[in-house]
Amino acid sequence: DSVKGRFTISRDNAKNTVYLQMTKLKPA
């Protein structure tokens, strides 16, 4: 709940990589 709406997880299986896109970052 603390990150919902601000963070997005995605993955590219062809690159063996998972991503965490973080927006509207807070000091917390």
PDB file of all heavy atoms in Angstrom:
ATOM      1  N   ASP A   1       0.817  -1.211   0.000  1.00  0.00           N
ATOM      2  CA  ASP A   1       0.000   0.000   0.000  1.00  0.00           C
ATOM      3  C   ASP A   1       0.855   1.268   0.000  1.00  0.00           C
ATOM      4  O   ASP A   1       0.459   2.292  -0.569  1.00  0.00           O
ATOM      5  CB  ASP A   1      -0.922   0.015   1.219  1.00  0.00           C
ATOM      6  CG  ASP A   1      -2.048  -0.991   1.117  1.00  0.00           C
ATOM      7  OD1 ASP A   1      -2.330  -1.469   0.001  1.00  0.00           O
ATOM      8  OD2 ASP A   1      -2.650  -1.304   2.158  1.00  0.00           O
ATOM      9  N   SER A   2       2.015   1.198   0.609  1.00  0.00           N
ATOM     10  CA  SER A   2       2.866   2.369   0.732  1.00  0.00           C
ATOM     11  C   SER A   2       3.435   2.856  -0.599  1.00  0.00           C
ATOM     12  O   SER A   2       3.856   4.012  -0.702  1.00  0.00           O
ATOM     13  CB  SER A   2       4.018   2.081   1.700  1.00  0.00           C
ATOM     14  OG  SER A   2       4.791   0.986   1.255  1.00  0.00           O
ATOM     15  N   VAL A   3       3.449   1.992  -1.613  1.00  0.00           N
ATOM     16  CA  VAL A   3       4.030   2.370  -2.902  1.00  0.00           C
ATOM     17  C   VAL A   3       3.041   2.291  -4.048  1.00  0.00           C
ATOM     18  O   VAL A   3       3.356   2.741  -5.160  1.00  0.00           O
ATOM     19  CB  VAL A   3       5.267   1.515  -3.240  1.00  0.00           C
ATOM     20  CG1 VAL A   3       6.278   1.560  -2.100  1.00  0.00           C
ATOM     21  CG2 VAL A   3       4.873   0.075  -3.550  1.00  0.00           C
ATOM     22  N   LYS A   4       1.876   1.751  -3.818  1.00  0.00           N
ATOM     23  CA  LYS A   4       0.894   1.568  -4.879  1.00  0.00           C
ATOM     24  C   LYS A   4       0.533   2.909  -5.513  1.00  0.00           C
ATOM     25  O   LYS A   4       0.256   3.879  -4.822  1.00  0.00           O
ATOM     26  CB  LYS A   4      -0.353   0.891  -4.328  1.00  0.00           C
ATOM     27  CG  LYS A   4      -1.313   0.410  -5.399  1.00  0.00           C
ATOM     28  CD  LYS A   4      -2.441  -0.418  -4.798  1.00  0.00           C
ATOM     29  CE  LYS A   4      -3.339  -0.995  -5.866  1.00  0.00           C
ATOM     30  NZ  LYS A   4      -4.420  -1.828  -5.269  1.00  0.00           N
ATOM     31  N   GLY A   5       0.543   2.932  -6.831  1.00  0.00           N
ATOM     32  CA  GLY A   5       0.266   4.157  -7.564  1.00  0.00           C
ATOM     33  C   GLY A   5       1.500   4.964  -7.879  1.00  0.00           C
ATOM     34  O   GLY A   5       1.435   5.884  -8.706  1.00  0.00           O
ATOM     35  N   ARG A   6       2.623   4.650  -7.234  1.00  0.00           N
ATOM     36  CA  ARG A   6       3.870   5.372  -7.479  1.00  0.00           C
ATOM     37  C   ARG A   6       4.944   4.488  -8.100  1.00  0.00           C
ATOM     38  O   ARG A   6       5.760   4.964  -8.880  1.00  0.00           O
ATOM     39  CB  ARG A   6       4.406   5.962  -6.179  1.00  0.00           C
ATOM     40  CG  ARG A   6       3.462   6.960  -5.516  1.00  0.00           C
ATOM     41  CD  ARG A   6       4.123   7.644  -4.323  1.00  0.00           C
ATOM     42  NE  ARG A   6       4.479   6.693  -3.276  1.00  0.00           N
ATOM     43  CZ  ARG A   6       5.714   6.470  -2.842  1.00  0.00           C
ATOM     44  NH1 ARG A   6       6.736   7.153  -3.363  1.00  0.00           N
ATOM     45  NH2 ARG A   6       5.946   5.596  -1.877  1.00  0.00           N
ATOM     46  N   PHE A   7       4.962   3.218  -7.730  1.00  0.00           N
ATOM     47  CA  PHE A   7       5.967   2.278  -8.223  1.00  0.00           C
ATOM     48  C   PHE A   7       5.335   1.320  -9.226  1.00  0.00           C
ATOM     49  O   PHE A   7       4.164   0.946  -9.089  1.00  0.00           O
ATOM     50  CB  PHE A   7       6.552   1.450  -7.079  1.00  0.00           C
ATOM     51  CG  PHE A   7       7.422   2.207  -6.115  1.00  0.00           C
ATOM     52  CD1 PHE A   7       7.495   3.589  -6.111  1.00  0.00           C
ATOM     53  CD2 PHE A   7       8.187   1.500  -5.191  1.00  0.00           C
ATOM     54  CE1 PHE A   7       8.301   4.270  -5.214  1.00  0.00           C
ATOM     55  CE2 PHE A   7       8.997   2.167  -4.290  1.00  0.00           C
ATOM     56  CZ  PHE A   7       9.056   3.550  -4.298  1.00  0.00           C
ATOM     57  N   THR A   8       6.124   0.905 -10.202  1.00  0.00           N
ATOM     58  CA  THR A   8       5.667  -0.046 -11.204  1.00  0.00           C
ATOM     59  C   THR A   8       6.731  -1.108 -11.424  1.00  0.00           C
ATOM     60  O   THR A   8       7.888  -0.789 -11.683  1.00  0.00           O
ATOM     61  CB  THR A   8       5.357   0.645 -12.539  1.00  0.00           C
ATOM     62  OG1 THR A   8       4.366   1.654 -12.352  1.00  0.00           O
ATOM     63  CG2 THR A   8       4.842  -0.374 -13.556  1.00  0.00           C
ATOM     64  N   ILE A   9       6.329  -2.363 -11.332  1.00  0.00           N
ATOM     65  CA  ILE A   9       7.229  -3.482 -11.599  1.00  0.00           C
ATOM     66  C   ILE A   9       6.988  -3.993 -13.010  1.00  0.00           C
ATOM     67  O   ILE A   9       5.846  -4.110 -13.445  1.00  0.00           O
ATOM     68  CB  ILE A   9       7.012  -4.620 -10.590  1.00  0.00           C
ATOM     69  CG1 ILE A   9       7.293  -4.146  -9.170  1.00  0.00           C
ATOM     70  CG2 ILE A   9       7.890  -5.817 -10.925  1.00  0.00           C
ATOM     71  CD1 ILE A   9       6.931  -5.164  -8.108  1.00  0.00           C
ATOM     72  N   SER A  10       8.056  -4.295 -13.706  1.00  0.00           N
ATOM     73  CA  SER A  10       7.954  -4.899 -15.025  1.00  0.00           C
ATOM     74  C   SER A  10       9.101  -5.883 -15.195  1.00  0.00           C
ATOM     75  O   SER A  10      10.030  -5.922 -14.385  1.00  0.00           O
ATOM     76  CB  SER A  10       7.980  -3.836 -16.128  1.00  0.00           C
ATOM     77  OG  SER A  10       9.194  -3.114 -16.108  1.00  0.00           O
ATOM     78  N   ARG A  11       9.038  -6.682 -16.240  1.00  0.00           N
ATOM     79  CA  ARG A  11      10.124  -7.621 -16.494  1.00  0.00           C
ATOM     80  C   ARG A  11      10.290  -7.831 -17.984  1.00  0.00           C
ATOM     81  O   ARG A  11       9.349  -7.684 -18.766  1.00  0.00           O
ATOM     82  CB  ARG A  11       9.880  -8.953 -15.776  1.00  0.00           C
ATOM     83  CG  ARG A  11       8.714  -9.763 -16.320  1.00  0.00           C
ATOM     84  CD  ARG A  11       8.387 -10.933 -15.384  1.00  0.00           C
ATOM     85  NE  ARG A  11       9.486 -11.879 -15.304  1.00  0.00           N
ATOM     86  CZ  ARG A  11       9.618 -12.794 -14.337  1.00  0.00           C
ATOM     87  NH1 ARG A  11       8.707 -12.868 -13.360  1.00  0.00           N
ATOM     88  NH2 ARG A  11      10.652 -13.631 -14.344  1.00  0.00           N
ATOM     89  N   ASP A  12      11.500  -8.184 -18.357  1.00  0.00           N
ATOM     90  CA  ASP A  12      11.834  -8.529 -19.727  1.00  0.00           C
ATOM     91  C   ASP A  12      12.515  -9.882 -19.656  1.00  0.00           C
ATOM     92  O   ASP A  12      13.712  -9.974 -19.360  1.00  0.00           O
ATOM     93  CB  ASP A  12      12.741  -7.480 -20.348  1.00  0.00           C
ATOM     94  CG  ASP A  12      12.991  -7.714 -21.824  1.00  0.00           C
ATOM     95  OD1 ASP A  12      12.813  -8.855 -22.297  1.00  0.00           O
ATOM     96  OD2 ASP A  12      13.372  -6.752 -22.513  1.00  0.00           O
ATOM     97  N   ASN A  13      11.755 -10.927 -19.911  1.00  0.00           N
ATOM     98  CA  ASN A  13      12.295 -12.275 -19.767  1.00  0.00           C
ATOM     99  C   ASN A  13      13.393 -12.579 -20.778  1.00  0.00           C
ATOM    100  O   ASN A  13      14.268 -13.401 -20.514  1.00  0.00           O
ATOM    101  CB  ASN A  13      11.169 -13.304 -19.878  1.00  0.00           C
ATOM    102  CG  ASN A  13      10.280 -13.321 -18.648  1.00  0.00           C
ATOM    103  OD1 ASN A  13      10.640 -12.781 -17.599  1.00  0.00           O
ATOM    104  ND2 ASN A  13       9.115 -13.935 -18.762  1.00  0.00           N
ATOM    105  N   ALA A  14      13.353 -11.925 -21.928  1.00  0.00           N
ATOM    106  CA  ALA A  14      14.400 -12.119 -22.917  1.00  0.00           C
ATOM    107  C   ALA A  14      15.739 -11.575 -22.434  1.00  0.00           C
ATOM    108  O   ALA A  14      16.792 -12.013 -22.895  1.00  0.00           O
ATOM    109  CB  ALA A  14      14.014 -11.461 -24.236  1.00  0.00           C
ATOM    110  N   LYS A  15      15.701 -10.619 -21.510  1.00  0.00           N
ATOM    111  CA  LYS A  15      16.912 -10.029 -20.954  1.00  0.00           C
ATOM    112  C   LYS A  15      17.210 -10.503 -19.540  1.00  0.00           C
ATOM    113  O   LYS A  15      18.153 -10.018 -18.916  1.00  0.00           O
ATOM    114  CB  LYS A  15      16.812  -8.506 -20.966  1.00  0.00           C
ATOM    115  CG  LYS A  15      16.714  -7.899 -22.349  1.00  0.00           C
ATOM    116  CD  LYS A  15      16.650  -6.385 -22.276  1.00  0.00           C
ATOM    117  CE  LYS A  15      16.604  -5.770 -23.662  1.00  0.00           C
ATOM    118  NZ  LYS A  15      16.532  -4.289 -23.606  1.00  0.00           N
ATOM    119  N   ASN A  16      16.406 -11.422 -19.037  1.00  0.00           N
ATOM    120  CA  ASN A  16      16.581 -11.924 -17.667  1.00  0.00           C
ATOM    121  C   ASN A  16      16.625 -10.783 -16.650  1.00  0.00           C
ATOM    122  O   ASN A  16      17.443 -10.780 -15.716  1.00  0.00           O
ATOM    123  CB  ASN A  16      17.863 -12.757 -17.553  1.00  0.00           C
ATOM    124  CG  ASN A  16      17.662 -14.208 -17.925  1.00  0.00           C
ATOM    125  OD1 ASN A  16      16.771 -14.550 -18.701  1.00  0.00           O
ATOM    126  ND2 ASN A  16      18.501 -15.081 -17.370  1.00  0.00           N
ATOM    127  N   THR A  17      15.739  -9.828 -16.817  1.00  0.00           N
ATOM    128  CA  THR A  17      15.783  -8.628 -15.992  1.00  0.00           C
ATOM    129  C   THR A  17      14.395  -8.237 -15.503  1.00  0.00           C
ATOM    130  O   THR A  17      13.421  -8.299 -16.264  1.00  0.00           O
ATOM    131  CB  THR A  17      16.401  -7.459 -16.764  1.00  0.00           C
ATOM    132  OG1 THR A  17      17.717  -7.823 -17.202  1.00  0.00           O
ATOM    133  CG2 THR A  17      16.511  -6.221 -15.886  1.00  0.00           C
ATOM    134  N   VAL A  18      14.327  -7.829 -14.247  1.00  0.00           N
ATOM    135  CA  VAL A  18      13.114  -7.263 -13.676  1.00  0.00           C
ATOM    136  C   VAL A  18      13.429  -5.828 -13.269  1.00  0.00           C
ATOM    137  O   VAL A  18      14.555  -5.522 -12.856  1.00  0.00           O
ATOM    138  CB  VAL A  18      12.596  -8.099 -12.488  1.00  0.00           C
ATOM    139  CG1 VAL A  18      13.598  -8.115 -11.341  1.00  0.00           C
ATOM    140  CG2 VAL A  18      11.241  -7.588 -12.022  1.00  0.00           C
ATOM    141  N   TYR A  19      12.435  -4.949 -13.385  1.00  0.00           N
ATOM    142  CA  TYR A  19      12.624  -3.531 -13.126  1.00  0.00           C
ATOM    143  C   TYR A  19      11.673  -3.043 -12.046  1.00  0.00           C
ATOM    144  O   TYR A  19      10.582  -3.576 -11.865  1.00  0.00           O
ATOM    145  CB  TYR A  19      12.376  -2.709 -14.389  1.00  0.00           C
ATOM    146  CG  TYR A  19      13.196  -3.125 -15.575  1.00  0.00           C
ATOM    147  CD1 TYR A  19      12.683  -4.009 -16.523  1.00  0.00           C
ATOM    148  CD2 TYR A  19      14.486  -2.645 -15.761  1.00  0.00           C
ATOM    149  CE1 TYR A  19      13.434  -4.397 -17.616  1.00  0.00           C
ATOM    150  CE2 TYR A  19      15.242  -3.030 -16.846  1.00  0.00           C
ATOM    151  CZ  TYR A  19      14.720  -3.904 -17.773  1.00  0.00           C
ATOM    152  OH  TYR A  19      15.462  -4.291 -18.853  1.00  0.00           O
ATOM    153  N   LEU A  20      12.096  -2.006 -11.366  1.00  0.00           N
ATOM    154  CA  LEU A  20      11.231  -1.292 -10.438  1.00  0.00           C
ATOM    155  C   LEU A  20      11.318   0.183 -10.785  1.00  0.00           C
ATOM    156  O   LEU A  20      12.325   0.833 -10.506  1.00  0.00           O
ATOM    157  CB  LEU A  20      11.652  -1.529  -8.987  1.00  0.00           C
ATOM    158  CG  LEU A  20      10.785  -0.837  -7.933  1.00  0.00           C
ATOM    159  CD1 LEU A  20       9.365  -1.412  -7.939  1.00  0.00           C
ATOM    160  CD2 LEU A  20      11.405  -0.975  -6.544  1.00  0.00           C
ATOM    161  N   GLN A  21      10.273   0.689 -11.427  1.00  0.00           N
ATOM    162  CA  GLN A  21      10.211   2.101 -11.772  1.00  0.00           C
ATOM    163  C   GLN A  21       9.560   2.846 -10.616  1.00  0.00           C
ATOM    164  O   GLN A  21       8.403   2.588 -10.282  1.00  0.00           O
ATOM    165  CB  GLN A  21       9.402   2.307 -13.052  1.00  0.00           C
ATOM    166  CG  GLN A  21       9.237   3.763 -13.459  1.00  0.00           C
ATOM    167  CD  GLN A  21      10.542   4.410 -13.851  1.00  0.00           C
ATOM    168  OE1 GLN A  21      11.252   3.913 -14.712  1.00  0.00           O
ATOM    169  NE2 GLN A  21      10.879   5.526 -13.207  1.00  0.00           N
ATOM    170  N   MET A  22      10.296   3.756 -10.019  1.00  0.00           N
ATOM    171  CA  MET A  22       9.828   4.495  -8.860  1.00  0.00           C
ATOM    172  C   MET A  22       9.620   5.951  -9.248  1.00  0.00           C
ATOM    173  O   MET A  22      10.512   6.591  -9.800  1.00  0.00           O
ATOM    174  CB  MET A  22      10.833   4.397  -7.714  1.00  0.00           C
ATOM    175  CG  MET A  22      11.181   2.965  -7.327  1.00  0.00           C
ATOM    176  SD  MET A  22      12.316   2.875  -5.913  1.00  0.00           S
ATOM    177  CE  MET A  22      13.790   3.579  -6.662  1.00  0.00           C
ATOM    178  N   THR A  23       8.443   6.465  -8.961  1.00  0.00           N
ATOM    179  CA  THR A  23       8.121   7.861  -9.235  1.00  0.00           C
ATOM    180  C   THR A  23       7.575   8.505  -7.971  1.00  0.00           C
ATOM    181  O   THR A  23       7.209   7.824  -7.013  1.00  0.00           O
ATOM    182  CB  THR A  23       7.098   7.997 -10.369  1.00  0.00           C
ATOM    183  OG1 THR A  23       5.851   7.425  -9.977  1.00  0.00           O
ATOM    184  CG2 THR A  23       7.589   7.300 -11.629  1.00  0.00           C
ATOM    185  N   LYS A  24       7.509   9.825  -7.990  1.00  0.00           N
ATOM    186  CA  LYS A  24       6.993  10.588  -6.844  1.00  0.00           C
ATOM    187  C   LYS A  24       7.635  10.109  -5.543  1.00  0.00           C
ATOM    188  O   LYS A  24       6.958   9.872  -4.543  1.00  0.00           O
ATOM    189  CB  LYS A  24       5.470  10.477  -6.776  1.00  0.00           C
ATOM    190  CG  LYS A  24       4.765  10.983  -8.029  1.00  0.00           C
ATOM    191  CD  LYS A  24       3.264  10.802  -7.930  1.00  0.00           C
ATOM    192  CE  LYS A  24       2.571  11.283  -9.193  1.00  0.00           C
ATOM    193  NZ  LYS A  24       1.100  11.077  -9.119  1.00  0.00           N
ATOM    194  N   LEU A  25       8.926   9.999  -5.576  1.00  0.00           N
ATOM    195  CA  LEU A  25       9.655   9.456  -4.439  1.00  0.00           C
ATOM    196  C   LEU A  25       9.565  10.363  -3.221  1.00  0.00           C
ATOM    197  O   LEU A  25       9.533  11.593  -3.334  1.00  0.00           O
ATOM    198  CB  LEU A  25      11.115   9.228  -4.818  1.00  0.00           C
ATOM    199  CG  LEU A  25      11.350   7.986  -5.678  1.00  0.00           C
ATOM    200  CD1 LEU A  25      12.689   8.057  -6.385  1.00  0.00           C
ATOM    201  CD2 LEU A  25      11.267   6.732  -4.814  1.00  0.00           C
ATOM    202  N   LYS A  26       9.531   9.726  -2.071  1.00  0.00           N
ATOM    203  CA  LYS A  26       9.437  10.407  -0.787  1.00  0.00           C
ATOM    204  C   LYS A  26      10.652  10.045   0.060  1.00  0.00           C
ATOM    205  O   LYS A  26      11.253   8.993  -0.132  1.00  0.00           O
ATOM    206  CB  LYS A  26       8.169   9.976  -0.037  1.00  0.00           C
ATOM    207  CG  LYS A  26       6.883  10.111  -0.815  1.00  0.00           C
ATOM    208  CD  LYS A  26       5.732   9.497  -0.030  1.00  0.00           C
ATOM    209  CE  LYS A  26       4.425   9.583  -0.794  1.00  0.00           C
ATOM    210  NZ  LYS A  26       3.315   8.954  -0.026  1.00  0.00           N
ATOM    211  N   PRO A  27      11.006  10.891   1.023  1.00  0.00           N
ATOM    212  CA  PRO A  27      12.101  10.517   1.927  1.00  0.00           C
ATOM    213  C   PRO A  27      11.875   9.168   2.607  1.00  0.00           C
ATOM    214  O   PRO A  27      12.844   8.453   2.885  1.00  0.00           O
ATOM    215  CB  PRO A  27      12.118  11.666   2.938  1.00  0.00           C
ATOM    216  CG  PRO A  27      11.644  12.837   2.150  1.00  0.00           C
ATOM    217  CD  PRO A  27      10.575  12.281   1.241  1.00  0.00           C
ATOM    218  N   ALA A  28      10.624   8.805   2.863  1.00  0.00           N
ATOM    219  CA  ALA A  28      10.316   7.526   3.491  1.00  0.00           C
ATOM    220  C   ALA A  28      10.654   6.333   2.605  1.00  0.00           C
ATOM    221  O   ALA A  28      10.684   5.200   3.091  1.00  0.00           O
ATOM    222  CB  ALA A  28       8.836   7.480   3.877  1.00  0.00           C
TER     223      ALA A  28
END
